[in-house]
Amino acid sequence: MLPRFLIVAGLTLSAVTISTAQNVPLTLPRESQAAAVSQSIGLTDISVSYHRPAVKGRKVWGELVPFDTVWRGGANENTVLTVTSPVTIGGAGLPAGRYGLHFLPTAASWTLIVSRQANNWGSFSYHPLDDAARVPATTRKAEFVEHLQYSMENPSDSSVMLTMRWERLAVSVPIVVKSRDIVLDSITQQLHGLPQFFPQGWLEAAQWAARNGFPEPAAKWADSSLLRAPTFGALQLKAGLLERQGDTAGARALRDRALASATEAEVNAWGYQLLGRGKTDEAIAVFRQNTKDHPRSWNTWDSLGEALAGKGDVKGARASYEKALAMAPEQQQGRIRGILSGLK
């Protein structure tokens, strides 16, 4: 038989264990369910996580959500904004990070508050000293929405409109991202890694910089690509940069060098680039040379026919398309016959 003190201790321990177990909460559905919305702007990811209360026939603005009192912009924990790069929200700069979103609604206007504290329960422990930004928000009447909803509207390559809708009200604030500067910085950092050893990484960087108005890094990165391999793409890109600088002779020399070693597909792609720029005669010359270099390729004749038709040379286009038809695979023949029947 066990001593009495051990029996008492065991009973006490069991009681504590049972009491503790009774206090372990279950995981059950919340009345205001969790939701999230996100948008990528360039390389920047913007997301908002929140909980969605329902109207349930109640008067929301001025009663359920009092005026002149900071409100969490949702239910349960505070609404959270996460940005992976610096942004401007409502005109105020905001570093990359995770933030609590609150609103200060009044009968006349609304203010969006961005707090450095992202883990508050509601707005009960909100303090102005934690503010990262306070900006005016635009309000407008909207179609009825039963459950509060956030959305990212009208995204572009540099901005998006963050909008909260509930009941018959929409509240919006713009978020702006310096996407080009962020991408430029990202490319610069990436070129310190493994891509630095291969020509393709430098070429992709140079092509992006040239398209987005950064001529100096474009030229520098094109040179780095050429040092590793004088590819058709790198030579053509460098030629285009020289042409923009007014060096027509230098550009022509590089293009001649590029075309001398180009594949059929590369020449064909270059011809279409010229067509896209409205340089039809130059494109025709490129396509014609490609037919001479690759006379048994149906695609070279097909491309030449398209360029000649665009210029209005029906006779020449028909002759080219007929040659293409004679060599084309079966799945292309119907298309070419359709083009020929329309040439008049």
C-alpha atoms as a PDB file:
ATOM      1  CA  MET A   1       0.000   0.000   0.000  1.00  0.00           C
ATOM      2  CA  LEU A   2       1.266   3.497  -0.963  1.00  0.00           C
ATOM      3  CA  PRO A   3       1.981   6.023   1.773  1.00  0.00           C
ATOM      4  CA  ARG A   4      -0.854   8.545   2.300  1.00  0.00           C
ATOM      5  CA  PHE A   5       1.258  11.575   1.241  1.00  0.00           C
ATOM      6  CA  LEU A   6       1.996   9.968  -2.152  1.00  0.00           C
ATOM      7  CA  ILE A   7      -1.695   9.275  -2.723  1.00  0.00           C
ATOM      8  CA  VAL A   8      -2.563  12.905  -1.850  1.00  0.00           C
ATOM      9  CA  ALA A   9       0.219  14.224  -4.099  1.00  0.00           C
ATOM     10  CA  GLY A  10      -0.981  12.070  -6.967  1.00  0.00           C
ATOM     11  CA  LEU A  11      -4.558  13.273  -6.587  1.00  0.00           C
ATOM     12  CA  THR A  12      -3.378  16.897  -6.463  1.00  0.00           C
ATOM     13  CA  LEU A  13      -1.280  16.445  -9.601  1.00  0.00           C
ATOM     14  CA  SER A  14      -4.227  14.838 -11.396  1.00  0.00           C
ATOM     15  CA  ALA A  15      -6.484  17.723 -10.416  1.00  0.00           C
ATOM     16  CA  VAL A  16      -3.956  20.286 -11.716  1.00  0.00           C
ATOM     17  CA  THR A  17      -3.532  18.326 -14.921  1.00  0.00           C
ATOM     18  CA  ILE A  18      -7.293  18.118 -15.468  1.00  0.00           C
ATOM     19  CA  SER A  19      -7.690  21.833 -14.668  1.00  0.00           C
ATOM     20  CA  THR A  20      -4.929  22.748 -17.131  1.00  0.00           C
ATOM     21  CA  ALA A  21      -6.407  20.537 -19.802  1.00  0.00           C
ATOM     22  CA  GLN A  22      -9.785  22.200 -19.344  1.00  0.00           C
ATOM     23  CA  ASN A  23      -8.161  25.562 -20.162  1.00  0.00           C
ATOM     24  CA  VAL A  24      -6.667  24.443 -23.504  1.00  0.00           C
ATOM     25  CA  PRO A  25      -8.789  26.201 -26.167  1.00  0.00           C
ATOM     26  CA  LEU A  26     -10.105  24.450 -29.249  1.00  0.00           C
ATOM     27  CA  THR A  27      -9.435  25.739 -32.746  1.00  0.00           C
ATOM     28  CA  LEU A  28     -12.820  26.800 -34.122  1.00  0.00           C
ATOM     29  CA  PRO A  29     -13.931  28.955 -37.068  1.00  0.00           C
ATOM     30  CA  ARG A  30     -13.928  32.672 -36.393  1.00  0.00           C
ATOM     31  CA  GLU A  31     -17.020  34.713 -37.047  1.00  0.00           C
ATOM     32  CA  SER A  32     -14.923  37.286 -38.960  1.00  0.00           C
ATOM     33  CA  GLN A  33     -12.867  35.094 -41.215  1.00  0.00           C
ATOM     34  CA  ALA A  34      -9.273  35.726 -42.244  1.00  0.00           C
ATOM     35  CA  ALA A  35      -8.433  36.963 -45.739  1.00  0.00           C
ATOM     36  CA  ALA A  36      -5.500  38.380 -47.663  1.00  0.00           C
ATOM     37  CA  VAL A  37      -4.864  40.294 -50.881  1.00  0.00           C
ATOM     38  CA  SER A  38      -1.550  40.824 -52.655  1.00  0.00           C
ATOM     39  CA  GLN A  39      -0.041  42.482 -55.692  1.00  0.00           C
ATOM     40  CA  SER A  40       3.423  42.483 -57.222  1.00  0.00           C
ATOM     41  CA  ILE A  41       4.696  45.769 -58.640  1.00  0.00           C
ATOM     42  CA  GLY A  42       7.934  45.030 -60.470  1.00  0.00           C
ATOM     43  CA  LEU A  43      10.003  43.102 -57.932  1.00  0.00           C
ATOM     44  CA  THR A  44       8.052  44.490 -54.956  1.00  0.00           C
ATOM     45  CA  ASP A  45       5.405  42.358 -53.264  1.00  0.00           C
ATOM     46  CA  ILE A  46       2.604  44.193 -51.456  1.00  0.00           C
ATOM     47  CA  SER A  47       0.130  42.289 -49.303  1.00  0.00           C
ATOM     48  CA  VAL A  48      -2.625  43.010 -46.788  1.00  0.00           C
ATOM     49  CA  SER A  49      -3.905  40.406 -44.319  1.00  0.00           C
ATOM     50  CA  TYR A  50      -7.086  41.115 -42.366  1.00  0.00           C
ATOM     51  CA  HIS A  51     -10.323  39.727 -40.947  1.00  0.00           C
ATOM     52  CA  ARG A  52     -13.722  40.327 -42.549  1.00  0.00           C
ATOM     53  CA  PRO A  53     -16.539  41.462 -40.253  1.00  0.00           C
ATOM     54  CA  ALA A  54     -20.113  41.463 -41.630  1.00  0.00           C
ATOM     55  CA  VAL A  55     -22.642  44.284 -41.613  1.00  0.00           C
ATOM     56  CA  LYS A  56     -25.501  42.075 -40.336  1.00  0.00           C
ATOM     57  CA  GLY A  57     -28.041  44.855 -40.757  1.00  0.00           C
ATOM     58  CA  ARG A  58     -26.178  47.171 -38.390  1.00  0.00           C
ATOM     59  CA  LYS A  59     -25.351  50.840 -38.888  1.00  0.00           C
ATOM     60  CA  VAL A  60     -21.615  50.707 -39.452  1.00  0.00           C
ATOM     61  CA  TRP A  61     -20.185  54.178 -39.838  1.00  0.00           C
ATOM     62  CA  GLY A  62     -20.531  56.376 -36.787  1.00  0.00           C
ATOM     63  CA  GLU A  63     -21.939  53.571 -34.611  1.00  0.00           C
ATOM     64  CA  LEU A  64     -20.366  50.107 -35.031  1.00  0.00           C
ATOM     65  CA  VAL A  65     -17.220  51.954 -36.145  1.00  0.00           C
ATOM     66  CA  PRO A  66     -17.278  55.203 -34.129  1.00  0.00           C
ATOM     67  CA  PHE A  67     -16.077  58.431 -35.656  1.00  0.00           C
ATOM     68  CA  ASP A  68     -12.996  60.170 -34.204  1.00  0.00           C
ATOM     69  CA  THR A  69     -11.633  56.877 -32.836  1.00  0.00           C
ATOM     70  CA  VAL A  70      -8.748  54.816 -34.233  1.00  0.00           C
ATOM     71  CA  TRP A  71     -10.095  51.641 -35.847  1.00  0.00           C
ATOM     72  CA  ARG A  72      -8.224  48.465 -36.851  1.00  0.00           C
ATOM     73  CA  GLY A  73      -9.604  48.402 -40.401  1.00  0.00           C
ATOM     74  CA  GLY A  74     -11.145  44.978 -39.908  1.00  0.00           C
ATOM     75  CA  ALA A  75     -11.804  42.580 -37.035  1.00  0.00           C
ATOM     76  CA  ASN A  76      -9.765  40.608 -34.484  1.00  0.00           C
ATOM     77  CA  GLU A  77      -6.028  41.382 -34.796  1.00  0.00           C
ATOM     78  CA  ASN A  78      -5.063  44.593 -36.545  1.00  0.00           C
ATOM     79  CA  THR A  79      -4.909  44.627 -40.336  1.00  0.00           C
ATOM     80  CA  VAL A  80      -1.324  44.067 -41.534  1.00  0.00           C
ATOM     81  CA  LEU A  81       0.422  45.633 -44.540  1.00  0.00           C
ATOM     82  CA  THR A  82       3.636  43.966 -45.761  1.00  0.00           C
ATOM     83  CA  VAL A  83       5.935  45.496 -48.407  1.00  0.00           C
ATOM     84  CA  THR A  84       9.163  43.871 -49.558  1.00  0.00           C
ATOM     85  CA  SER A  85      10.741  47.103 -50.859  1.00  0.00           C
ATOM     86  CA  PRO A  86      10.473  50.779 -49.948  1.00  0.00           C
ATOM     87  CA  VAL A  87       7.205  52.331 -51.131  1.00  0.00           C
ATOM     88  CA  THR A  88       5.323  55.584 -50.911  1.00  0.00           C
ATOM     89  CA  ILE A  89       1.840  55.302 -49.436  1.00  0.00           C
ATOM     90  CA  GLY A  90      -0.415  58.309 -49.764  1.00  0.00           C
ATOM     91  CA  GLY A  91       2.692  60.405 -50.417  1.00  0.00           C
ATOM     92  CA  ALA A  92       4.584  59.228 -47.309  1.00  0.00           C
ATOM     93  CA  GLY A  93       7.750  57.154 -47.607  1.00  0.00           C
ATOM     94  CA  LEU A  94       7.675  53.707 -46.047  1.00  0.00           C
ATOM     95  CA  PRO A  95      10.668  51.320 -45.737  1.00  0.00           C
ATOM     96  CA  ALA A  96      10.274  47.643 -46.509  1.00  0.00           C
ATOM     97  CA  GLY A  97       8.652  45.853 -43.609  1.00  0.00           C
ATOM     98  CA  ARG A  98       5.508  44.678 -41.861  1.00  0.00           C
ATOM     99  CA  TYR A  99       3.071  47.268 -40.496  1.00  0.00           C
ATOM    100  CA  GLY A 100      -0.231  47.547 -38.682  1.00  0.00           C
ATOM    101  CA  LEU A 101      -2.936  49.381 -40.637  1.00  0.00           C
ATOM    102  CA  HIS A 102      -5.486  51.521 -38.809  1.00  0.00           C
ATOM    103  CA  PHE A 103      -7.954  54.199 -39.820  1.00  0.00           C
ATOM    104  CA  LEU A 104      -9.140  57.361 -38.125  1.00  0.00           C
ATOM    105  CA  PRO A 105     -12.613  57.957 -39.555  1.00  0.00           C
ATOM    106  CA  THR A 106     -14.511  61.192 -38.997  1.00  0.00           C
ATOM    107  CA  ALA A 107     -17.826  62.403 -40.320  1.00  0.00           C
ATOM    108  CA  ALA A 108     -15.943  64.618 -42.803  1.00  0.00           C
ATOM    109  CA  SER A 109     -12.719  62.799 -43.725  1.00  0.00           C
ATOM    110  CA  TRP A 110     -10.611  59.694 -43.179  1.00  0.00           C
ATOM    111  CA  THR A 111      -6.953  59.202 -42.267  1.00  0.00           C
ATOM    112  CA  LEU A 112      -4.931  56.046 -42.847  1.00  0.00           C
ATOM    113  CA  ILE A 113      -2.461  55.270 -40.069  1.00  0.00           C
ATOM    114  CA  VAL A 114       0.518  52.996 -40.680  1.00  0.00           C
ATOM    115  CA  SER A 115       1.929  51.695 -37.402  1.00  0.00           C
ATOM    116  CA  ARG A 116       5.300  50.092 -36.797  1.00  0.00           C
ATOM    117  CA  GLN A 117       3.513  47.722 -34.419  1.00  0.00           C
ATOM    118  CA  ALA A 118       2.010  44.986 -36.566  1.00  0.00           C
ATOM    119  CA  ASN A 119       0.935  42.560 -33.817  1.00  0.00           C
ATOM    120  CA  ASN A 120      -1.708  44.529 -31.919  1.00  0.00           C
ATOM    121  CA  TRP A 121      -5.039  43.005 -31.030  1.00  0.00           C
ATOM    122  CA  GLY A 122      -7.310  45.474 -32.763  1.00  0.00           C
ATOM    123  CA  SER A 123      -6.429  49.080 -32.014  1.00  0.00           C
ATOM    124  CA  PHE A 124      -6.654  48.790 -28.245  1.00  0.00           C
ATOM    125  CA  SER A 125      -2.906  49.155 -27.662  1.00  0.00           C
ATOM    126  CA  TYR A 126      -2.350  51.532 -30.575  1.00  0.00           C
ATOM    127  CA  HIS A 127      -0.128  54.507 -29.729  1.00  0.00           C
ATOM    128  CA  PRO A 128       0.696  57.506 -31.971  1.00  0.00           C
ATOM    129  CA  LEU A 129       4.377  57.182 -31.051  1.00  0.00           C
ATOM    130  CA  ASP A 130       4.445  54.008 -33.135  1.00  0.00           C
ATOM    131  CA  ASP A 131       3.212  55.782 -36.275  1.00  0.00           C
ATOM    132  CA  ALA A 132       5.296  55.249 -39.397  1.00  0.00           C
ATOM    133  CA  ALA A 133       2.932  57.413 -41.453  1.00  0.00           C
ATOM    134  CA  ARG A 134      -0.397  59.223 -41.326  1.00  0.00           C
ATOM    135  CA  VAL A 135      -1.927  60.069 -44.684  1.00  0.00           C
ATOM    136  CA  PRO A 136      -5.307  61.253 -45.958  1.00  0.00           C
ATOM    137  CA  ALA A 137      -7.526  58.595 -47.496  1.00  0.00           C
ATOM    138  CA  THR A 138     -10.080  59.166 -50.250  1.00  0.00           C
ATOM    139  CA  THR A 139     -13.640  58.058 -49.567  1.00  0.00           C
ATOM    140  CA  ARG A 140     -16.525  57.517 -51.955  1.00  0.00           C
ATOM    141  CA  LYS A 141     -19.930  55.887 -52.023  1.00  0.00           C
ATOM    142  CA  ALA A 142     -19.873  52.348 -53.396  1.00  0.00           C
ATOM    143  CA  GLU A 143     -22.069  49.327 -53.970  1.00  0.00           C
ATOM    144  CA  PHE A 144     -23.068  47.468 -50.833  1.00  0.00           C
ATOM    145  CA  VAL A 145     -20.538  44.935 -49.500  1.00  0.00           C
ATOM    146  CA  GLU A 146     -21.663  42.693 -46.631  1.00  0.00           C
ATOM    147  CA  HIS A 147     -18.206  41.470 -45.557  1.00  0.00           C
ATOM    148  CA  LEU A 148     -15.362  43.982 -45.340  1.00  0.00           C
ATOM    149  CA  GLN A 149     -12.978  43.581 -48.262  1.00  0.00           C
ATOM    150  CA  TYR A 150      -9.575  44.918 -49.315  1.00  0.00           C
ATOM    151  CA  SER A 151      -8.477  45.041 -52.942  1.00  0.00           C
ATOM    152  CA  MET A 152      -5.517  46.198 -55.032  1.00  0.00           C
ATOM    153  CA  GLU A 153      -6.947  48.237 -57.898  1.00  0.00           C
ATOM    154  CA  ASN A 154      -5.548  49.594 -61.166  1.00  0.00           C
ATOM    155  CA  PRO A 155      -2.040  48.111 -60.838  1.00  0.00           C
ATOM    156  CA  SER A 156       0.647  49.527 -63.120  1.00  0.00           C
ATOM    157  CA  ASP A 157       4.390  48.987 -63.314  1.00  0.00           C
ATOM    158  CA  SER A 158       4.872  51.580 -60.558  1.00  0.00           C
ATOM    159  CA  SER A 159       1.674  51.898 -58.497  1.00  0.00           C
ATOM    160  CA  VAL A 160      -1.514  50.334 -57.163  1.00  0.00           C
ATOM    161  CA  MET A 161      -4.558  51.670 -55.339  1.00  0.00           C
ATOM    162  CA  LEU A 162      -5.230  49.995 -51.985  1.00  0.00           C
ATOM    163  CA  THR A 163      -8.982  50.080 -51.327  1.00  0.00           C
ATOM    164  CA  MET A 164     -11.082  48.973 -48.352  1.00  0.00           C
ATOM    165  CA  ARG A 165     -14.804  48.401 -48.995  1.00  0.00           C
ATOM    166  CA  TRP A 166     -17.502  47.825 -46.426  1.00  0.00           C
ATOM    167  CA  GLU A 167     -21.202  48.558 -46.306  1.00  0.00           C
ATOM    168  CA  ARG A 168     -21.670  51.353 -48.893  1.00  0.00           C
ATOM    169  CA  LEU A 169     -18.268  53.004 -48.505  1.00  0.00           C
ATOM    170  CA  ALA A 170     -14.928  52.650 -50.311  1.00  0.00           C
ATOM    171  CA  VAL A 171     -11.743  54.075 -48.780  1.00  0.00           C
ATOM    172  CA  SER A 172      -8.622  54.293 -50.959  1.00  0.00           C
ATOM    173  CA  VAL A 173      -4.980  55.276 -50.722  1.00  0.00           C
ATOM    174  CA  PRO A 174      -2.320  55.043 -53.482  1.00  0.00           C
ATOM    175  CA  ILE A 175       0.856  53.005 -53.096  1.00  0.00           C
ATOM    176  CA  VAL A 176       3.736  54.001 -55.383  1.00  0.00           C
ATOM    177  CA  VAL A 177       6.898  51.973 -56.017  1.00  0.00           C
ATOM    178  CA  LYS A 178      10.104  53.170 -57.682  1.00  0.00           C
ATOM    179  CA  SER A 179      10.119  49.933 -59.621  1.00  0.00           C
ATOM    180  CA  ARG A 180      12.830  50.780 -62.139  1.00  0.00           C
ATOM    181  CA  ASP A 181      15.298  51.861 -59.446  1.00  0.00           C
ATOM    182  CA  ILE A 182      14.522  48.747 -57.397  1.00  0.00           C
ATOM    183  CA  VAL A 183      14.996  46.459 -60.413  1.00  0.00           C
ATOM    184  CA  LEU A 184      18.228  48.245 -61.359  1.00  0.00           C
ATOM    185  CA  ASP A 185      19.564  47.730 -57.835  1.00  0.00           C
ATOM    186  CA  SER A 186      18.465  44.084 -57.866  1.00  0.00           C
ATOM    187  CA  ILE A 187      20.189  43.435 -61.193  1.00  0.00           C
ATOM    188  CA  THR A 188      23.368  45.067 -59.913  1.00  0.00           C
ATOM    189  CA  GLN A 189      23.336  42.806 -56.865  1.00  0.00           C
ATOM    190  CA  GLN A 190      22.571  39.686 -58.914  1.00  0.00           C
ATOM    191  CA  LEU A 191      25.523  40.369 -61.216  1.00  0.00           C
ATOM    192  CA  HIS A 192      27.815  39.903 -58.226  1.00  0.00           C
ATOM    193  CA  GLY A 193      26.622  36.299 -57.975  1.00  0.00           C
ATOM    194  CA  LEU A 194      26.812  33.361 -60.372  1.00  0.00           C
ATOM    195  CA  PRO A 195      25.337  35.260 -63.365  1.00  0.00           C
ATOM    196  CA  GLN A 196      28.560  37.299 -63.579  1.00  0.00           C
ATOM    197  CA  PHE A 197      30.376  34.312 -65.083  1.00  0.00           C
ATOM    198  CA  PHE A 198      28.038  33.884 -68.055  1.00  0.00           C
ATOM    199  CA  PRO A 199      27.291  36.167 -71.024  1.00  0.00           C
ATOM    200  CA  GLN A 200      23.516  35.687 -70.870  1.00  0.00           C
ATOM    201  CA  GLY A 201      23.119  37.350 -67.473  1.00  0.00           C
ATOM    202  CA  TRP A 202      24.993  40.458 -68.606  1.00  0.00           C
ATOM    203  CA  LEU A 203      22.994  40.526 -71.851  1.00  0.00           C
ATOM    204  CA  GLU A 204      19.635  40.291 -70.063  1.00  0.00           C
ATOM    205  CA  ALA A 205      20.746  43.074 -67.714  1.00  0.00           C
ATOM    206  CA  ALA A 206      21.848  45.267 -70.622  1.00  0.00           C
ATOM    207  CA  GLN A 207      18.610  44.645 -72.538  1.00  0.00           C
ATOM    208  CA  TRP A 208      16.509  45.601 -69.519  1.00  0.00           C
ATOM    209  CA  ALA A 209      18.559  48.743 -68.874  1.00  0.00           C
ATOM    210  CA  ALA A 210      18.317  49.804 -72.528  1.00  0.00           C
ATOM    211  CA  ARG A 211      14.528  49.355 -72.534  1.00  0.00           C
ATOM    212  CA  ASN A 212      14.054  51.280 -69.291  1.00  0.00           C
ATOM    213  CA  GLY A 213      16.144  54.374 -69.873  1.00  0.00           C
ATOM    214  CA  PHE A 214      19.499  53.489 -68.256  1.00  0.00           C
ATOM    215  CA  PRO A 215      21.937  53.870 -71.194  1.00  0.00           C
ATOM    216  CA  GLU A 216      25.162  53.933 -69.157  1.00  0.00           C
ATOM    217  CA  PRO A 217      24.692  50.602 -67.333  1.00  0.00           C
ATOM    218  CA  ALA A 218      23.233  49.164 -70.559  1.00  0.00           C
ATOM    219  CA  ALA A 219      26.450  49.933 -72.451  1.00  0.00           C
ATOM    220  CA  LYS A 220      28.636  48.698 -69.598  1.00  0.00           C
ATOM    221  CA  TRP A 221      26.736  45.436 -69.234  1.00  0.00           C
ATOM    222  CA  ALA A 222      26.632  44.883 -73.002  1.00  0.00           C
ATOM    223  CA  ASP A 223      30.437  45.177 -73.057  1.00  0.00           C
ATOM    224  CA  SER A 224      30.680  42.658 -70.209  1.00  0.00           C
ATOM    225  CA  SER A 225      28.501  40.229 -72.175  1.00  0.00           C
ATOM    226  CA  LEU A 226      30.633  40.680 -75.305  1.00  0.00           C
ATOM    227  CA  LEU A 227      33.816  40.014 -73.345  1.00  0.00           C
ATOM    228  CA  ARG A 228      32.446  36.604 -72.379  1.00  0.00           C
ATOM    229  CA  ALA A 229      30.937  35.732 -75.767  1.00  0.00           C
ATOM    230  CA  PRO A 230      30.340  37.951 -78.838  1.00  0.00           C
ATOM    231  CA  THR A 231      26.799  36.647 -79.371  1.00  0.00           C
ATOM    232  CA  PHE A 232      24.324  37.945 -81.933  1.00  0.00           C
ATOM    233  CA  GLY A 233      22.125  39.441 -79.229  1.00  0.00           C
ATOM    234  CA  ALA A 234      24.948  41.295 -77.514  1.00  0.00           C
ATOM    235  CA  LEU A 235      26.354  42.637 -80.785  1.00  0.00           C
ATOM    236  CA  GLN A 236      22.917  43.840 -81.892  1.00  0.00           C
ATOM    237  CA  LEU A 237      22.254  45.483 -78.548  1.00  0.00           C
ATOM    238  CA  LYS A 238      25.607  47.273 -78.540  1.00  0.00           C
ATOM    239  CA  ALA A 239      24.951  48.396 -82.116  1.00  0.00           C
ATOM    240  CA  GLY A 240      21.631  49.878 -81.078  1.00  0.00           C
ATOM    241  CA  LEU A 241      23.265  51.759 -78.195  1.00  0.00           C
ATOM    242  CA  LEU A 242      25.940  53.170 -80.536  1.00  0.00           C
ATOM    243  CA  GLU A 243      23.233  54.218 -82.973  1.00  0.00           C
ATOM    244  CA  ARG A 244      21.446  56.157 -80.222  1.00  0.00           C
ATOM    245  CA  GLN A 245      24.715  57.958 -79.512  1.00  0.00           C
ATOM    246  CA  GLY A 246      25.009  58.954 -83.166  1.00  0.00           C
ATOM    247  CA  ASP A 247      27.757  56.477 -84.041  1.00  0.00           C
ATOM    248  CA  THR A 248      26.116  55.167 -87.237  1.00  0.00           C
ATOM    249  CA  ALA A 249      29.294  53.696 -88.667  1.00  0.00           C
ATOM    250  CA  GLY A 250      30.130  51.836 -85.474  1.00  0.00           C
ATOM    251  CA  ALA A 251      26.588  50.494 -85.256  1.00  0.00           C
ATOM    252  CA  ARG A 252      26.676  49.278 -88.868  1.00  0.00           C
ATOM    253  CA  ALA A 253      30.000  47.508 -88.330  1.00  0.00           C
ATOM    254  CA  LEU A 254      28.680  45.654 -85.293  1.00  0.00           C
ATOM    255  CA  ARG A 255      25.484  44.657 -87.102  1.00  0.00           C
ATOM    256  CA  ASP A 256      27.468  43.323 -90.038  1.00  0.00           C
ATOM    257  CA  ARG A 257      29.585  41.337 -87.603  1.00  0.00           C
ATOM    258  CA  ALA A 258      26.460  40.048 -85.860  1.00  0.00           C
ATOM    259  CA  LEU A 259      24.739  38.986 -89.082  1.00  0.00           C
ATOM    260  CA  ALA A 260      27.865  37.231 -90.359  1.00  0.00           C
ATOM    261  CA  SER A 261      27.688  34.692 -87.527  1.00  0.00           C
ATOM    262  CA  ALA A 262      23.930  34.666 -86.883  1.00  0.00           C
ATOM    263  CA  THR A 263      21.701  31.630 -87.113  1.00  0.00           C
ATOM    264  CA  GLU A 264      18.689  31.532 -89.401  1.00  0.00           C
ATOM    265  CA  ALA A 265      16.362  32.110 -86.437  1.00  0.00           C
ATOM    266  CA  GLU A 266      18.401  35.077 -85.175  1.00  0.00           C
ATOM    267  CA  VAL A 267      18.368  36.749 -88.579  1.00  0.00           C
ATOM    268  CA  ASN A 268      14.649  36.126 -88.898  1.00  0.00           C
ATOM    269  CA  ALA A 269      13.997  37.662 -85.473  1.00  0.00           C
ATOM    270  CA  TRP A 270      16.113  40.689 -86.405  1.00  0.00           C
ATOM    271  CA  GLY A 271      14.064  41.164 -89.562  1.00  0.00           C
ATOM    272  CA  TYR A 272      10.859  41.258 -87.547  1.00  0.00           C
ATOM    273  CA  GLN A 273      12.388  43.761 -85.129  1.00  0.00           C
ATOM    274  CA  LEU A 274      13.087  46.012 -88.099  1.00  0.00           C
ATOM    275  CA  LEU A 275       9.505  45.580 -89.294  1.00  0.00           C
ATOM    276  CA  GLY A 276       8.279  46.549 -85.851  1.00  0.00           C
ATOM    277  CA  ARG A 277      10.288  49.755 -86.053  1.00  0.00           C
ATOM    278  CA  GLY A 278       8.801  50.611 -89.432  1.00  0.00           C
ATOM    279  CA  LYS A 279      12.068  49.910 -91.290  1.00  0.00           C
ATOM    280  CA  THR A 280      10.405  47.791 -93.952  1.00  0.00           C
ATOM    281  CA  ASP A 281      13.084  48.107 -96.651  1.00  0.00           C
ATOM    282  CA  GLU A 282      15.828  47.090 -94.218  1.00  0.00           C
ATOM    283  CA  ALA A 283      13.718  44.180 -93.035  1.00  0.00           C
ATOM    284  CA  ILE A 284      13.153  43.002 -96.608  1.00  0.00           C
ATOM    285  CA  ALA A 285      16.897  43.112 -97.235  1.00  0.00           C
ATOM    286  CA  VAL A 286      17.526  41.012 -94.111  1.00  0.00           C
ATOM    287  CA  PHE A 287      14.817  38.471 -94.997  1.00  0.00           C
ATOM    288  CA  ARG A 288      16.061  38.261 -98.603  1.00  0.00           C
ATOM    289  CA  GLN A 289      19.595  37.556 -97.431  1.00  0.00           C
ATOM    290  CA  ASN A 290      18.236  34.857 -95.133  1.00  0.00           C
ATOM    291  CA  THR A 291      16.587  33.117 -98.114  1.00  0.00           C
ATOM    292  CA  LYS A 292      19.930  33.139 -99.918  1.00  0.00           C
ATOM    293  CA  ASP A 293      21.747  31.716 -96.914  1.00  0.00           C
ATOM    294  CA  HIS A 294      18.992  29.181 -96.162  1.00  0.00           C
ATOM    295  CA  PRO A 295      17.184  28.548 -99.475  1.00  0.00           C
ATOM    296  CA  ARG A 296      15.634  25.273 -98.307  1.00  0.00           C
ATOM    297  CA  SER A 297      13.939  26.802 -95.266  1.00  0.00           C
ATOM    298  CA  TRP A 298      10.218  27.429 -95.814  1.00  0.00           C
ATOM    299  CA  ASN A 299      10.212  29.893 -92.919  1.00  0.00           C
ATOM    300  CA  THR A 300      12.704  32.271 -94.561  1.00  0.00           C
ATOM    301  CA  TRP A 301      10.484  32.507 -97.655  1.00  0.00           C
ATOM    302  CA  ASP A 302       7.381  32.874 -95.513  1.00  0.00           C
ATOM    303  CA  SER A 303       8.907  35.823 -93.626  1.00  0.00           C
ATOM    304  CA  LEU A 304      10.082  37.484 -96.833  1.00  0.00           C
ATOM    305  CA  GLY A 305       6.596  37.089 -98.283  1.00  0.00           C
ATOM    306  CA  GLU A 306       5.066  38.784 -95.227  1.00  0.00           C
ATOM    307  CA  ALA A 307       7.445  41.746 -95.498  1.00  0.00           C
ATOM    308  CA  LEU A 308       6.870  42.147 -99.249  1.00  0.00           C
ATOM    309  CA  ALA A 309       3.101  41.976 -98.779  1.00  0.00           C
ATOM    310  CA  GLY A 310       3.344  44.680 -96.117  1.00  0.00           C
ATOM    311  CA  LYS A 311       5.168  46.902 -98.575  1.00  0.00           C
ATOM    312  CA  GLY A 312       2.520  46.284-101.231  1.00  0.00           C
ATOM    313  CA  ASP A 313       4.663  44.120-103.538  1.00  0.00           C
ATOM    314  CA  VAL A 314       1.954  41.559-104.305  1.00  0.00           C
ATOM    315  CA  LYS A 315       3.882  39.840-107.091  1.00  0.00           C
ATOM    316  CA  GLY A 316       6.995  39.402-104.982  1.00  0.00           C
ATOM    317  CA  ALA A 317       4.973  38.301-101.953  1.00  0.00           C
ATOM    318  CA  ARG A 318       3.111  35.694-103.995  1.00  0.00           C
ATOM    319  CA  ALA A 319       6.366  34.265-105.388  1.00  0.00           C
ATOM    320  CA  SER A 320       7.847  33.998-101.894  1.00  0.00           C
ATOM    321  CA  TYR A 321       4.757  32.407-100.366  1.00  0.00           C
ATOM    322  CA  GLU A 322       4.572  29.871-103.209  1.00  0.00           C
ATOM    323  CA  LYS A 323       8.147  28.814-102.484  1.00  0.00           C
ATOM    324  CA  ALA A 324       7.304  28.596 -98.770  1.00  0.00           C
ATOM    325  CA  LEU A 325       4.219  26.484 -99.550  1.00  0.00           C
ATOM    326  CA  ALA A 326       6.246  24.006-101.582  1.00  0.00           C
ATOM    327  CA  MET A 327       8.485  23.303 -98.564  1.00  0.00           C
ATOM    328  CA  ALA A 328       6.203  23.965 -95.588  1.00  0.00           C
ATOM    329  CA  PRO A 329       5.064  21.217 -93.198  1.00  0.00           C
ATOM    330  CA  GLU A 330       1.467  20.105 -93.542  1.00  0.00           C
ATOM    331  CA  GLN A 331       0.275  22.067 -90.489  1.00  0.00           C
ATOM    332  CA  GLN A 332       1.457  25.332 -92.101  1.00  0.00           C
ATOM    333  CA  GLN A 333       0.134  24.776 -95.597  1.00  0.00           C
ATOM    334  CA  GLY A 334      -3.470  25.750 -94.884  1.00  0.00           C
ATOM    335  CA  ARG A 335      -2.371  29.093 -93.438  1.00  0.00           C
ATOM    336  CA  ILE A 336      -0.125  29.866 -96.415  1.00  0.00           C
ATOM    337  CA  ARG A 337      -2.840  28.923 -98.919  1.00  0.00           C
ATOM    338  CA  GLY A 338      -5.190  31.281 -97.105  1.00  0.00           C
ATOM    339  CA  ILE A 339      -2.656  34.106 -97.452  1.00  0.00           C
ATOM    340  CA  LEU A 340      -2.124  33.375-101.136  1.00  0.00           C
ATOM    341  CA  SER A 341      -5.861  33.417-101.819  1.00  0.00           C
ATOM    342  CA  GLY A 342      -6.078  36.851-100.225  1.00  0.00           C
ATOM    343  CA  LEU A 343      -3.188  38.397-102.186  1.00  0.00           C
ATOM    344  CA  LYS A 344      -4.680  40.574-104.908  1.00  0.00           C
END
